[in-house]
Amino acid sequence: MTDGAAIVKPGDDGCWRVIGVGGDASCPELRTYVHCRNCPVYTAAGRRLFERPSPTEYVAEWTAFLAQAKVRAAARTLAVLVFRVGGEWLGLDATDVVEVAEERAVHRIPHRPGPVLGGLVNVRGQLLLFVSLYGLLHIDPNGGGDASAAARFVVIQRDDASWVFRADAVEGIQRFAPGEVARVPATVAHGAASLSQGLLTFGERRVGYLDGAALFASLRKAVG
């Protein structure tokens, strides 16, 4: 037994490091407990360690960090494709969007005239129904917007239903927090507003955040 160990008694703070299994194992309590981790002295010391109050700066630092993490997580919750049809800026959940493609030929369907169904379009070898959001949402195709913007075809899908529509401009996938979705004014119930679940602000633009379920249901009704 070392001189340092001789002055340490069972129950002293840190005794396990000197006379316990972490030291020279001279503690008489080892005959009963075999290992220090089974000893109530060691257990009580561990409890005091975990129950001691955290430093003020430590708590403040982690509170700030977790608050920022929640903000970052919230900001990434809504992924929305932002696009323009005529003079209307619209948004649709990215989960309903398959791809954004260049314009291509639309093949008319004989004896199927109407403001919504435009025909068939070939997308990667698959013929899909081409629909007009101008006709569905009663949007004026000459309602304004940047004429120099590149028009795109947007392929959307939900369950077994797939459609293609033309967007006059596409801003790509943008991310919003749920708290950024504003209510649609009760006095507005026509056009895109009738299928919108809220309004989003993108730069200086007000974007009608389309309800995907309502959009697909309206397309089925209009085309079927």
Foldseek 3Di string as FASTA:
>chain_A
DDPVLVPDAPLPVPNCCDCNPVHDVPHPCCVVQVHPVSDVSSVVVVVCVVPPDDDPVVVVVVVVVVVVVVVVVLQFPFKWWWFAQQNAIAIEGPVFWDDKAADDDFDADPPQDDQFFGHWDADPNDTATETELCSLQVNDNNNDDDQPAGKIWIWGDDDHHIYIYITSHIPGIHTGGPVQFAQDDPVDCGGQNVQARGWHDDPNDIYGYGDVVSVVVSSVVRRD
